[in-house]
PDB file of N, CA and C in Angstrom:
ATOM      1  N   MET A   1       7.011  10.720 -13.963  1.00  0.00           N
ATOM      2  CA  MET A   1       7.877  10.092 -12.984  1.00  0.00           C
ATOM      3  C   MET A   1       7.214   8.805 -12.503  1.00  0.00           C
ATOM      4  N   LYS A   2       7.987   7.746 -12.446  1.00  0.00           N
ATOM      5  CA  LYS A   2       7.501   6.445 -11.971  1.00  0.00           C
ATOM      6  C   LYS A   2       8.065   6.217 -10.568  1.00  0.00           C
ATOM      7  N   THR A   3       7.168   6.142  -9.587  1.00  0.00           N
ATOM      8  CA  THR A   3       7.581   6.027  -8.190  1.00  0.00           C
ATOM      9  C   THR A   3       7.014   4.766  -7.567  1.00  0.00           C
ATOM     10  N   LEU A   4       7.878   4.032  -6.898  1.00  0.00           N
ATOM     11  CA  LEU A   4       7.494   2.860  -6.115  1.00  0.00           C
ATOM     12  C   LEU A   4       7.696   3.196  -4.651  1.00  0.00           C
ATOM     13  N   LEU A   5       6.645   3.002  -3.865  1.00  0.00           N
ATOM     14  CA  LEU A   5       6.742   3.158  -2.417  1.00  0.00           C
ATOM     15  C   LEU A   5       6.621   1.774  -1.788  1.00  0.00           C
ATOM     16  N   ILE A   6       7.557   1.429  -0.924  1.00  0.00           N
ATOM     17  CA  ILE A   6       7.544   0.148  -0.225  1.00  0.00           C
ATOM     18  C   ILE A   6       7.283   0.434   1.245  1.00  0.00           C
ATOM     19  N   LEU A   7       6.177  -0.109   1.748  1.00  0.00           N
ATOM     20  CA  LEU A   7       5.799   0.086   3.143  1.00  0.00           C
ATOM     21  C   LEU A   7       6.045  -1.198   3.911  1.00  0.00           C
ATOM     22  N   ASN A   8       6.655  -1.060   5.103  1.00  0.00           N
ATOM     23  CA  ASN A   8       7.022  -2.203   5.933  1.00  0.00           C
ATOM     24  C   ASN A   8       6.290  -2.266   7.272  1.00  0.00           C
ATOM     25  N   ASP A   9       5.873  -1.120   7.793  1.00  0.00           N
ATOM     26  CA  ASP A   9       5.355  -1.055   9.167  1.00  0.00           C
ATOM     27  C   ASP A   9       3.882  -1.425   9.258  1.00  0.00           C
ATOM     28  N   PRO A  10       3.434  -1.835  10.456  1.00  0.00           N
ATOM     29  CA  PRO A  10       2.030  -2.216  10.629  1.00  0.00           C
ATOM     30  C   PRO A  10       1.104  -1.029  10.404  1.00  0.00           C
ATOM     31  N   ALA A  11      -0.161  -1.335  10.263  1.00  0.00           N
ATOM     32  CA  ALA A  11      -1.162  -0.305  10.005  1.00  0.00           C
ATOM     33  C   ALA A  11      -1.184   0.751  11.106  1.00  0.00           C
ATOM     34  N   TYR A  12      -1.083   0.327  12.329  1.00  0.00           N
ATOM     35  CA  TYR A  12      -1.185   1.250  13.455  1.00  0.00           C
ATOM     36  C   TYR A  12      -0.067   0.947  14.445  1.00  0.00           C
ATOM     37  N   GLY A  13       0.310   1.955  15.228  1.00  0.00           N
ATOM     38  CA  GLY A  13       1.397   1.797  16.189  1.00  0.00           C
ATOM     39  C   GLY A  13       2.567   2.705  15.834  1.00  0.00           C
ATOM     40  N   THR A  14       2.784   2.904  14.539  1.00  0.00           N
ATOM     41  CA  THR A  14       3.724   3.910  14.051  1.00  0.00           C
ATOM     42  C   THR A  14       2.983   4.681  12.961  1.00  0.00           C
ATOM     43  N   GLU A  15       3.564   5.742  12.499  1.00  0.00           N
ATOM     44  CA  GLU A  15       2.909   6.520  11.447  1.00  0.00           C
ATOM     45  C   GLU A  15       3.608   6.380  10.098  1.00  0.00           C
ATOM     46  N   ARG A  16       4.544   5.457   9.992  1.00  0.00           N
ATOM     47  CA  ARG A  16       5.274   5.310   8.728  1.00  0.00           C
ATOM     48  C   ARG A  16       4.362   4.902   7.577  1.00  0.00           C
ATOM     49  N   SER A  17       3.552   3.881   7.780  1.00  0.00           N
ATOM     50  CA  SER A  17       2.658   3.447   6.702  1.00  0.00           C
ATOM     51  C   SER A  17       1.646   4.542   6.372  1.00  0.00           C
ATOM     52  N   TYR A  18       1.141   5.206   7.377  1.00  0.00           N
ATOM     53  CA  TYR A  18       0.224   6.332   7.180  1.00  0.00           C
ATOM     54  C   TYR A  18       0.883   7.399   6.304  1.00  0.00           C
ATOM     55  N   ASN A  19       2.097   7.774   6.648  1.00  0.00           N
ATOM     56  CA  ASN A  19       2.796   8.800   5.875  1.00  0.00           C
ATOM     57  C   ASN A  19       3.141   8.324   4.470  1.00  0.00           C
ATOM     58  N   GLY A  20       3.488   7.052   4.317  1.00  0.00           N
ATOM     59  CA  GLY A  20       3.747   6.506   2.995  1.00  0.00           C
ATOM     60  C   GLY A  20       2.507   6.549   2.119  1.00  0.00           C
ATOM     61  N   LEU A  21       1.357   6.226   2.697  1.00  0.00           N
ATOM     62  CA  LEU A  21       0.116   6.269   1.927  1.00  0.00           C
ATOM     63  C   LEU A  21      -0.314   7.703   1.643  1.00  0.00           C
ATOM     64  N   ARG A  22      -0.017   8.604   2.537  1.00  0.00           N
ATOM     65  CA  ARG A  22      -0.288  10.026   2.276  1.00  0.00           C
ATOM     66  C   ARG A  22       0.505  10.482   1.050  1.00  0.00           C
ATOM     67  N   LEU A  23       1.790  10.132   1.025  1.00  0.00           N
ATOM     68  CA  LEU A  23       2.635  10.505  -0.102  1.00  0.00           C
ATOM     69  C   LEU A  23       2.159   9.838  -1.389  1.00  0.00           C
ATOM     70  N   ALA A  24       1.830   8.560  -1.323  1.00  0.00           N
ATOM     71  CA  ALA A  24       1.343   7.845  -2.509  1.00  0.00           C
ATOM     72  C   ALA A  24       0.095   8.519  -3.073  1.00  0.00           C
ATOM     73  N   GLY A  25      -0.833   8.875  -2.203  1.00  0.00           N
ATOM     74  CA  GLY A  25      -2.056   9.538  -2.647  1.00  0.00           C
ATOM     75  C   GLY A  25      -1.777  10.890  -3.279  1.00  0.00           C
ATOM     76  N   ALA A  26      -0.883  11.661  -2.664  1.00  0.00           N
ATOM     77  CA  ALA A  26      -0.545  12.985  -3.197  1.00  0.00           C
ATOM     78  C   ALA A  26       0.141  12.869  -4.552  1.00  0.00           C
ATOM     79  N   LEU A  27       1.060  11.918  -4.684  1.00  0.00           N
ATOM     80  CA  LEU A  27       1.737  11.720  -5.968  1.00  0.00           C
ATOM     81  C   LEU A  27       0.767  11.259  -7.048  1.00  0.00           C
ATOM     82  N   ALA A  28      -0.132  10.350  -6.687  1.00  0.00           N
ATOM     83  CA  ALA A  28      -1.072   9.802  -7.665  1.00  0.00           C
ATOM     84  C   ALA A  28      -2.016  10.872  -8.208  1.00  0.00           C
ATOM     85  N   LYS A  29      -2.286  11.895  -7.428  1.00  0.00           N
ATOM     86  CA  LYS A  29      -3.194  12.962  -7.862  1.00  0.00           C
ATOM     87  C   LYS A  29      -2.551  13.910  -8.864  1.00  0.00           C
ATOM     88  N   ARG A  30      -1.244  13.908  -8.941  1.00  0.00           N
ATOM     89  CA  ARG A  30      -0.540  14.826  -9.844  1.00  0.00           C
ATOM     90  C   ARG A  30      -0.390  14.214 -11.234  1.00  0.00           C
ATOM     91  N   ASP A  31      -0.474  15.086 -12.226  1.00  0.00           N
ATOM     92  CA  ASP A  31      -0.298  14.642 -13.613  1.00  0.00           C
ATOM     93  C   ASP A  31       1.112  14.110 -13.822  1.00  0.00           C
ATOM     94  N   ASP A  32       1.237  13.208 -14.746  1.00  0.00           N
ATOM     95  CA  ASP A  32       2.536  12.658 -15.158  1.00  0.00           C
ATOM     96  C   ASP A  32       3.241  11.857 -14.071  1.00  0.00           C
ATOM     97  N   ASN A  33       2.494  11.352 -13.091  1.00  0.00           N
ATOM     98  CA  ASN A  33       3.062  10.465 -12.077  1.00  0.00           C
ATOM     99  C   ASN A  33       2.419   9.102 -12.212  1.00  0.00           C
ATOM    100  N   ASP A  34       3.245   8.098 -12.166  1.00  0.00           N
ATOM    101  CA  ASP A  34       2.785   6.711 -12.165  1.00  0.00           C
ATOM    102  C   ASP A  34       3.261   6.144 -10.833  1.00  0.00           C
ATOM    103  N   VAL A  35       2.318   5.714  -9.988  1.00  0.00           N
ATOM    104  CA  VAL A  35       2.633   5.339  -8.607  1.00  0.00           C
ATOM    105  C   VAL A  35       2.258   3.886  -8.357  1.00  0.00           C
ATOM    106  N   ARG A  36       3.173   3.187  -7.712  1.00  0.00           N
ATOM    107  CA  ARG A  36       2.911   1.824  -7.257  1.00  0.00           C
ATOM    108  C   ARG A  36       3.325   1.732  -5.797  1.00  0.00           C
ATOM    109  N   VAL A  37       2.522   1.010  -5.023  1.00  0.00           N
ATOM    110  CA  VAL A  37       2.774   0.830  -3.593  1.00  0.00           C
ATOM    111  C   VAL A  37       2.838  -0.664  -3.326  1.00  0.00           C
ATOM    112  N   PHE A  38       3.883  -1.088  -2.637  1.00  0.00           N
ATOM    113  CA  PHE A  38       4.010  -2.494  -2.270  1.00  0.00           C
ATOM    114  C   PHE A  38       4.028  -2.593  -0.752  1.00  0.00           C
ATOM    115  N   LEU A  39       3.075  -3.349  -0.205  1.00  0.00           N
ATOM    116  CA  LEU A  39       2.970  -3.575   1.233  1.00  0.00           C
ATOM    117  C   LEU A  39       3.630  -4.904   1.551  1.00  0.00           C
ATOM    118  N   ILE A  40       4.611  -4.861   2.443  1.00  0.00           N
ATOM    119  CA  ILE A  40       5.374  -6.064   2.789  1.00  0.00           C
ATOM    120  C   ILE A  40       5.477  -6.153   4.303  1.00  0.00           C
ATOM    121  N   GLY A  41       5.660  -7.358   4.815  1.00  0.00           N
ATOM    122  CA  GLY A  41       5.743  -7.543   6.268  1.00  0.00           C
ATOM    123  C   GLY A  41       4.432  -7.140   6.926  1.00  0.00           C
ATOM    124  N   ASP A  42       4.547  -6.478   8.074  1.00  0.00           N
ATOM    125  CA  ASP A  42       3.353  -6.068   8.811  1.00  0.00           C
ATOM    126  C   ASP A  42       2.505  -5.039   8.073  1.00  0.00           C
ATOM    127  N   ALA A  43       3.053  -4.412   7.043  1.00  0.00           N
ATOM    128  CA  ALA A  43       2.291  -3.404   6.300  1.00  0.00           C
ATOM    129  C   ALA A  43       1.101  -4.001   5.548  1.00  0.00           C
ATOM    130  N   VAL A  44       1.090  -5.311   5.327  1.00  0.00           N
ATOM    131  CA  VAL A  44      -0.058  -5.898   4.631  1.00  0.00           C
ATOM    132  C   VAL A  44      -1.347  -5.660   5.417  1.00  0.00           C
ATOM    133  N   SER A  45      -1.239  -5.446   6.723  1.00  0.00           N
ATOM    134  CA  SER A  45      -2.443  -5.176   7.526  1.00  0.00           C
ATOM    135  C   SER A  45      -3.086  -3.842   7.162  1.00  0.00           C
ATOM    136  N   CYS A  46      -2.359  -2.968   6.509  1.00  0.00           N
ATOM    137  CA  CYS A  46      -2.916  -1.685   6.069  1.00  0.00           C
ATOM    138  C   CYS A  46      -4.048  -1.892   5.070  1.00  0.00           C
ATOM    139  N   ALA A  47      -3.994  -2.970   4.322  1.00  0.00           N
ATOM    140  CA  ALA A  47      -4.953  -3.208   3.247  1.00  0.00           C
ATOM    141  C   ALA A  47      -6.172  -4.010   3.677  1.00  0.00           C
ATOM    142  N   MET A  48      -6.323  -4.260   4.963  1.00  0.00           N
ATOM    143  CA  MET A  48      -7.492  -4.998   5.410  1.00  0.00           C
ATOM    144  C   MET A  48      -8.724  -4.105   5.336  1.00  0.00           C
ATOM    145  N   ALA A  49      -9.782  -4.633   4.745  1.00  0.00           N
ATOM    146  CA  ALA A  49     -11.012  -3.871   4.532  1.00  0.00           C
ATOM    147  C   ALA A  49     -11.764  -3.644   5.840  1.00  0.00           C
ATOM    148  N   ASP A  50     -12.579  -2.598   5.844  1.00  0.00           N
ATOM    149  CA  ASP A  50     -13.529  -2.300   6.924  1.00  0.00           C
ATOM    150  C   ASP A  50     -12.868  -2.190   8.293  1.00  0.00           C
ATOM    151  N   GLN A  51     -11.773  -1.466   8.347  1.00  0.00           N
ATOM    152  CA  GLN A  51     -11.080  -1.292   9.622  1.00  0.00           C
ATOM    153  C   GLN A  51     -11.945  -0.479  10.584  1.00  0.00           C
ATOM    154  N   LYS A  52     -11.945  -0.877  11.835  1.00  0.00           N
ATOM    155  CA  LYS A  52     -12.669  -0.172  12.891  1.00  0.00           C
ATOM    156  C   LYS A  52     -11.641   0.551  13.748  1.00  0.00           C
ATOM    157  N   VAL A  53     -11.633   1.858  13.638  1.00  0.00           N
ATOM    158  CA  VAL A  53     -10.671   2.661  14.392  1.00  0.00           C
ATOM    159  C   VAL A  53     -11.427   3.729  15.171  1.00  0.00           C
ATOM    160  N   PRO A  54     -10.813   4.274  16.235  1.00  0.00           N
ATOM    161  CA  PRO A  54     -11.482   5.315  17.014  1.00  0.00           C
ATOM    162  C   PRO A  54     -11.824   6.537  16.157  1.00  0.00           C
ATOM    163  N   ASP A  55     -12.873   7.251  16.561  1.00  0.00           N
ATOM    164  CA  ASP A  55     -13.246   8.473  15.852  1.00  0.00           C
ATOM    165  C   ASP A  55     -12.062   9.414  15.765  1.00  0.00           C
ATOM    166  N   GLY A  56     -11.893  10.007  14.595  1.00  0.00           N
ATOM    167  CA  GLY A  56     -10.813  10.949  14.390  1.00  0.00           C
ATOM    168  C   GLY A  56      -9.496  10.312  13.978  1.00  0.00           C
ATOM    169  N   TYR A  57      -9.434   8.995  13.985  1.00  0.00           N
ATOM    170  CA  TYR A  57      -8.223   8.285  13.594  1.00  0.00           C
ATOM    171  C   TYR A  57      -8.277   7.995  12.105  1.00  0.00           C
ATOM    172  N   TYR A  58      -7.134   7.890  11.476  1.00  0.00           N
ATOM    173  CA  TYR A  58      -7.081   7.660  10.032  1.00  0.00           C
ATOM    174  C   TYR A  58      -7.428   6.216   9.679  1.00  0.00           C
ATOM    175  N   HIS A  59      -8.013   6.066   8.500  1.00  0.00           N
ATOM    176  CA  HIS A  59      -8.398   4.756   7.963  1.00  0.00           C
ATOM    177  C   HIS A  59      -7.482   4.440   6.790  1.00  0.00           C
ATOM    178  N   LEU A  60      -6.524   3.559   7.003  1.00  0.00           N
ATOM    179  CA  LEU A  60      -5.574   3.243   5.939  1.00  0.00           C
ATOM    180  C   LEU A  60      -6.236   2.541   4.762  1.00  0.00           C
ATOM    181  N   ASP A  61      -7.256   1.742   5.030  1.00  0.00           N
ATOM    182  CA  ASP A  61      -7.953   1.081   3.930  1.00  0.00           C
ATOM    183  C   ASP A  61      -8.591   2.112   3.002  1.00  0.00           C
ATOM    184  N   ARG A  62      -9.132   3.176   3.554  1.00  0.00           N
ATOM    185  CA  ARG A  62      -9.728   4.236   2.731  1.00  0.00           C
ATOM    186  C   ARG A  62      -8.653   5.010   1.969  1.00  0.00           C
ATOM    187  N   MET A  63      -7.492   5.173   2.587  1.00  0.00           N
ATOM    188  CA  MET A  63      -6.391   5.873   1.920  1.00  0.00           C
ATOM    189  C   MET A  63      -5.892   5.061   0.728  1.00  0.00           C
ATOM    190  N   ILE A  64      -5.851   3.735   0.881  1.00  0.00           N
ATOM    191  CA  ILE A  64      -5.452   2.863  -0.224  1.00  0.00           C
ATOM    192  C   ILE A  64      -6.451   2.983  -1.367  1.00  0.00           C
ATOM    193  N   LEU A  65      -7.727   2.949  -1.044  1.00  0.00           N
ATOM    194  CA  LEU A  65      -8.766   3.062  -2.072  1.00  0.00           C
ATOM    195  C   LEU A  65      -8.659   4.403  -2.802  1.00  0.00           C
ATOM    196  N   SER A  66      -8.432   5.472  -2.068  1.00  0.00           N
ATOM    197  CA  SER A  66      -8.299   6.792  -2.682  1.00  0.00           C
ATOM    198  C   SER A  66      -7.104   6.842  -3.631  1.00  0.00           C
ATOM    199  N   ALA A  67      -5.964   6.330  -3.190  1.00  0.00           N
ATOM    200  CA  ALA A  67      -4.777   6.313  -4.055  1.00  0.00           C
ATOM    201  C   ALA A  67      -5.048   5.490  -5.311  1.00  0.00           C
ATOM    202  N   ALA A  68      -5.696   4.339  -5.134  1.00  0.00           N
ATOM    203  CA  ALA A  68      -6.008   3.480  -6.279  1.00  0.00           C
ATOM    204  C   ALA A  68      -6.961   4.171  -7.250  1.00  0.00           C
ATOM    205  N   ARG A  69      -7.905   4.906  -6.736  1.00  0.00           N
ATOM    206  CA  ARG A  69      -8.845   5.623  -7.608  1.00  0.00           C
ATOM    207  C   ARG A  69      -8.148   6.715  -8.413  1.00  0.00           C
ATOM    208  N   HIS A  70      -7.004   7.152  -7.923  1.00  0.00           N
ATOM    209  CA  HIS A  70      -6.222   8.145  -8.662  1.00  0.00           C
ATOM    210  C   HIS A  70      -5.131   7.484  -9.511  1.00  0.00           C
ATOM    211  N   GLY A  71      -5.214   6.164  -9.656  1.00  0.00           N
ATOM    212  CA  GLY A  71      -4.333   5.467 -10.579  1.00  0.00           C
ATOM    213  C   GLY A  71      -3.188   4.682  -9.969  1.00  0.00           C
ATOM    214  N   ALA A  72      -3.003   4.752  -8.651  1.00  0.00           N
ATOM    215  CA  ALA A  72      -1.923   3.994  -8.018  1.00  0.00           C
ATOM    216  C   ALA A  72      -2.260   2.503  -8.016  1.00  0.00           C
ATOM    217  N   GLU A  73      -1.247   1.688  -8.203  1.00  0.00           N
ATOM    218  CA  GLU A  73      -1.393   0.239  -8.048  1.00  0.00           C
ATOM    219  C   GLU A  73      -0.904  -0.120  -6.660  1.00  0.00           C
ATOM    220  N   VAL A  74      -1.631  -1.004  -5.969  1.00  0.00           N
ATOM    221  CA  VAL A  74      -1.248  -1.408  -4.619  1.00  0.00           C
ATOM    222  C   VAL A  74      -1.168  -2.930  -4.570  1.00  0.00           C
ATOM    223  N   GLY A  75       0.034  -3.425  -4.316  1.00  0.00           N
ATOM    224  CA  GLY A  75       0.264  -4.860  -4.194  1.00  0.00           C
ATOM    225  C   GLY A  75       0.613  -5.228  -2.771  1.00  0.00           C
ATOM    226  N   CYS A  76       0.149  -6.378  -2.339  1.00  0.00           N
ATOM    227  CA  CYS A  76       0.410  -6.889  -0.988  1.00  0.00           C
ATOM    228  C   CYS A  76       1.184  -8.194  -1.098  1.00  0.00           C
ATOM    229  N   CYS A  77       2.262  -8.310  -0.368  1.00  0.00           N
ATOM    230  CA  CYS A  77       3.075  -9.522  -0.385  1.00  0.00           C
ATOM    231  C   CYS A  77       2.219 -10.722   0.025  1.00  0.00           C
ATOM    232  N   GLY A  78       2.058 -11.672  -0.874  1.00  0.00           N
ATOM    233  CA  GLY A  78       1.239 -12.845  -0.593  1.00  0.00           C
ATOM    234  C   GLY A  78       1.797 -13.708   0.524  1.00  0.00           C
ATOM    235  N   THR A  79       3.107 -13.871   0.572  1.00  0.00           N
ATOM    236  CA  THR A  79       3.730 -14.650   1.638  1.00  0.00           C
ATOM    237  C   THR A  79       3.473 -13.993   2.991  1.00  0.00           C
ATOM    238  N   CYS A  80       3.571 -12.671   3.043  1.00  0.00           N
ATOM    239  CA  CYS A  80       3.338 -11.924   4.286  1.00  0.00           C
ATOM    240  C   CYS A  80       1.871 -12.005   4.693  1.00  0.00           C
ATOM    241  N   MET A  81       0.967 -11.967   3.704  1.00  0.00           N
ATOM    242  CA  MET A  81      -0.460 -12.132   4.000  1.00  0.00           C
ATOM    243  C   MET A  81      -0.716 -13.501   4.609  1.00  0.00           C
ATOM    244  N   ASP A  82      -0.165 -14.547   3.998  1.00  0.00           N
ATOM    245  CA  ASP A  82      -0.371 -15.906   4.483  1.00  0.00           C
ATOM    246  C   ASP A  82       0.153 -16.070   5.907  1.00  0.00           C
ATOM    247  N   ALA A  83       1.306 -15.486   6.191  1.00  0.00           N
ATOM    248  CA  ALA A  83       1.906 -15.605   7.517  1.00  0.00           C
ATOM    249  C   ALA A  83       1.037 -14.944   8.590  1.00  0.00           C
ATOM    250  N   ARG A  84       0.182 -14.005   8.188  1.00  0.00           N
ATOM    251  CA  ARG A  84      -0.662 -13.274   9.132  1.00  0.00           C
ATOM    252  C   ARG A  84      -2.126 -13.696   9.056  1.00  0.00           C
ATOM    253  N   GLY A  85      -2.404 -14.722   8.284  1.00  0.00           N
ATOM    254  CA  GLY A  85      -3.769 -15.233   8.186  1.00  0.00           C
ATOM    255  C   GLY A  85      -4.702 -14.304   7.431  1.00  0.00           C
ATOM    256  N   ILE A  86      -4.160 -13.506   6.523  1.00  0.00           N
ATOM    257  CA  ILE A  86      -4.972 -12.579   5.742  1.00  0.00           C
ATOM    258  C   ILE A  86      -5.181 -13.195   4.361  1.00  0.00           C
ATOM    259  N   ASP A  87      -6.444 -13.422   3.992  1.00  0.00           N
ATOM    260  CA  ASP A  87      -6.690 -13.952   2.655  1.00  0.00           C
ATOM    261  C   ASP A  87      -7.193 -12.839   1.739  1.00  0.00           C
ATOM    262  N   ASP A  88      -7.325 -13.148   0.475  1.00  0.00           N
ATOM    263  CA  ASP A  88      -7.691 -12.140  -0.525  1.00  0.00           C
ATOM    264  C   ASP A  88      -9.029 -11.469  -0.211  1.00  0.00           C
ATOM    265  N   ASP A  89      -9.944 -12.203   0.409  1.00  0.00           N
ATOM    266  CA  ASP A  89     -11.259 -11.657   0.736  1.00  0.00           C
ATOM    267  C   ASP A  89     -11.187 -10.561   1.801  1.00  0.00           C
ATOM    268  N   HIS A  90     -10.084 -10.495   2.545  1.00  0.00           N
ATOM    269  CA  HIS A  90      -9.923  -9.474   3.579  1.00  0.00           C
ATOM    270  C   HIS A  90      -9.379  -8.157   3.038  1.00  0.00           C
ATOM    271  N   LEU A  91      -8.919  -8.158   1.786  1.00  0.00           N
ATOM    272  CA  LEU A  91      -8.289  -6.962   1.235  1.00  0.00           C
ATOM    273  C   LEU A  91      -9.321  -5.919   0.811  1.00  0.00           C
ATOM    274  N   THR A  92      -8.975  -4.682   1.058  1.00  0.00           N
ATOM    275  CA  THR A  92      -9.828  -3.578   0.646  1.00  0.00           C
ATOM    276  C   THR A  92      -9.793  -3.417  -0.869  1.00  0.00           C
ATOM    277  N   GLU A  93     -10.810  -2.783  -1.405  1.00  0.00           N
ATOM    278  CA  GLU A  93     -10.843  -2.483  -2.827  1.00  0.00           C
ATOM    279  C   GLU A  93      -9.643  -1.609  -3.169  1.00  0.00           C
ATOM    280  N   GLY A  94      -8.991  -1.927  -4.259  1.00  0.00           N
ATOM    281  CA  GLY A  94      -7.824  -1.165  -4.684  1.00  0.00           C
ATOM    282  C   GLY A  94      -6.510  -1.841  -4.354  1.00  0.00           C
ATOM    283  N   ALA A  95      -6.551  -2.856  -3.504  1.00  0.00           N
ATOM    284  CA  ALA A  95      -5.341  -3.615  -3.153  1.00  0.00           C
ATOM    285  C   ALA A  95      -5.521  -5.055  -3.619  1.00  0.00           C
ATOM    286  N   ARG A  96      -4.393  -5.696  -3.914  1.00  0.00           N
ATOM    287  CA  ARG A  96      -4.461  -7.088  -4.365  1.00  0.00           C
ATOM    288  C   ARG A  96      -3.220  -7.842  -3.920  1.00  0.00           C
ATOM    289  N   ARG A  97      -3.357  -9.161  -3.898  1.00  0.00           N
ATOM    290  CA  ARG A  97      -2.235 -10.041  -3.577  1.00  0.00           C
ATOM    291  C   ARG A  97      -1.165  -9.895  -4.652  1.00  0.00           C
ATOM    292  N   SER A  98       0.079  -9.905  -4.233  1.00  0.00           N
ATOM    293  CA  SER A  98       1.191  -9.774  -5.159  1.00  0.00           C
ATOM    294  C   SER A  98       2.301 -10.738  -4.748  1.00  0.00           C
ATOM    295  N   THR A  99       3.461 -10.587  -5.398  1.00  0.00           N
ATOM    296  CA  THR A  99       4.572 -11.503  -5.156  1.00  0.00           C
ATOM    297  C   THR A  99       5.886 -10.740  -5.092  1.00  0.00           C
ATOM    298  N   LEU A 100       6.915 -11.418  -4.610  1.00  0.00           N
ATOM    299  CA  LEU A 100       8.247 -10.834  -4.603  1.00  0.00           C
ATOM    300  C   LEU A 100       8.744 -10.624  -6.033  1.00  0.00           C
ATOM    301  N   ASP A 101       8.359 -11.499  -6.940  1.00  0.00           N
ATOM    302  CA  ASP A 101       8.731 -11.316  -8.341  1.00  0.00           C
ATOM    303  C   ASP A 101       8.146 -10.019  -8.901  1.00  0.00           C
ATOM    304  N   GLU A 102       6.908  -9.715  -8.536  1.00  0.00           N
ATOM    305  CA  GLU A 102       6.317  -8.462  -9.005  1.00  0.00           C
ATOM    306  C   GLU A 102       7.010  -7.269  -8.359  1.00  0.00           C
ATOM    307  N   LEU A 103       7.348  -7.365  -7.081  1.00  0.00           N
ATOM    308  CA  LEU A 103       8.105  -6.286  -6.443  1.00  0.00           C
ATOM    309  C   LEU A 103       9.435  -6.071  -7.161  1.00  0.00           C
ATOM    310  N   THR A 104      10.071  -7.145  -7.559  1.00  0.00           N
ATOM    311  CA  THR A 104      11.320  -7.045  -8.313  1.00  0.00           C
ATOM    312  C   THR A 104      11.097  -6.313  -9.636  1.00  0.00           C
ATOM    313  N   ASP A 105      10.032  -6.683 -10.350  1.00  0.00           N
ATOM    314  CA  ASP A 105       9.700  -6.011 -11.610  1.00  0.00           C
ATOM    315  C   ASP A 105       9.420  -4.526 -11.372  1.00  0.00           C
ATOM    316  N   TRP A 106       8.656  -4.230 -10.339  1.00  0.00           N
ATOM    317  CA  TRP A 106       8.315  -2.843 -10.039  1.00  0.00           C
ATOM    318  C   TRP A 106       9.560  -2.033  -9.674  1.00  0.00           C
ATOM    319  N   THR A 107      10.490  -2.661  -8.981  1.00  0.00           N
ATOM    320  CA  THR A 107      11.721  -1.971  -8.591  1.00  0.00           C
ATOM    321  C   THR A 107      12.535  -1.605  -9.828  1.00  0.00           C
ATOM    322  N   GLU A 108      12.610  -2.524 -10.786  1.00  0.00           N
ATOM    323  CA  GLU A 108      13.320  -2.235 -12.033  1.00  0.00           C
ATOM    324  C   GLU A 108      12.593  -1.178 -12.862  1.00  0.00           C
ATOM    325  N   TRP A 109      11.284  -1.135 -12.790  1.00  0.00           N
ATOM    326  CA  TRP A 109      10.452  -0.188 -13.532  1.00  0.00           C
ATOM    327  C   TRP A 109      10.603   1.240 -13.013  1.00  0.00           C
ATOM    328  N   ALA A 110      10.778   1.386 -11.709  1.00  0.00           N
ATOM    329  CA  ALA A 110      10.692   2.704 -11.053  1.00  0.00           C
ATOM    330  C   ALA A 110      11.882   3.613 -11.330  1.00  0.00           C
ATOM    331  N   ASP A 111      11.564   4.909 -11.455  1.00  0.00           N
ATOM    332  CA  ASP A 111      12.604   5.932 -11.482  1.00  0.00           C
ATOM    333  C   ASP A 111      13.084   6.220 -10.062  1.00  0.00           C
ATOM    334  N   LYS A 112      12.148   6.135  -9.112  1.00  0.00           N
ATOM    335  CA  LYS A 112      12.460   6.372  -7.699  1.00  0.00           C
ATOM    336  C   LYS A 112      11.802   5.302  -6.849  1.00  0.00           C
ATOM    337  N   VAL A 113      12.532   4.837  -5.839  1.00  0.00           N
ATOM    338  CA  VAL A 113      11.974   3.898  -4.864  1.00  0.00           C
ATOM    339  C   VAL A 113      12.100   4.555  -3.495  1.00  0.00           C
ATOM    340  N   VAL A 114      10.965   4.627  -2.789  1.00  0.00           N
ATOM    341  CA  VAL A 114      10.902   5.247  -1.475  1.00  0.00           C
ATOM    342  C   VAL A 114      10.423   4.187  -0.488  1.00  0.00           C
ATOM    343  N   THR A 115      11.110   4.047   0.627  1.00  0.00           N
ATOM    344  CA  THR A 115      10.681   3.056   1.622  1.00  0.00           C
ATOM    345  C   THR A 115      10.241   3.743   2.893  1.00  0.00           C
ATOM    346  N   PHE A 116       9.235   3.153   3.504  1.00  0.00           N
ATOM    347  CA  PHE A 116       8.720   3.624   4.800  1.00  0.00           C
ATOM    348  C   PHE A 116       8.687   2.439   5.748  1.00  0.00           C
TER     349      PHE A 116
END
């Protein structure tokens, strides 16, 4: 199964991106799943490396790395990154700058598209 997850919400303040990354990680760990995650809008902040969060709080950058290590591809909207002053050097391992054209390609590729 080829699944594309599109995340829109900021890293913290809601749990949508957290739950989307939880699902992406769980899907990526299963055999016969091909997973891609596209971070758009405020969700690009999820991919910022070395996040400092209170003890016991989730680290979205670590969740992205875990999903990527299990084979998920993670793309970040370059226009959205630029609008928020996030450059490629700020991205965590496992995430990379992407484009709307790539999101379009991924959407056509996917058997299922899930948005958060």
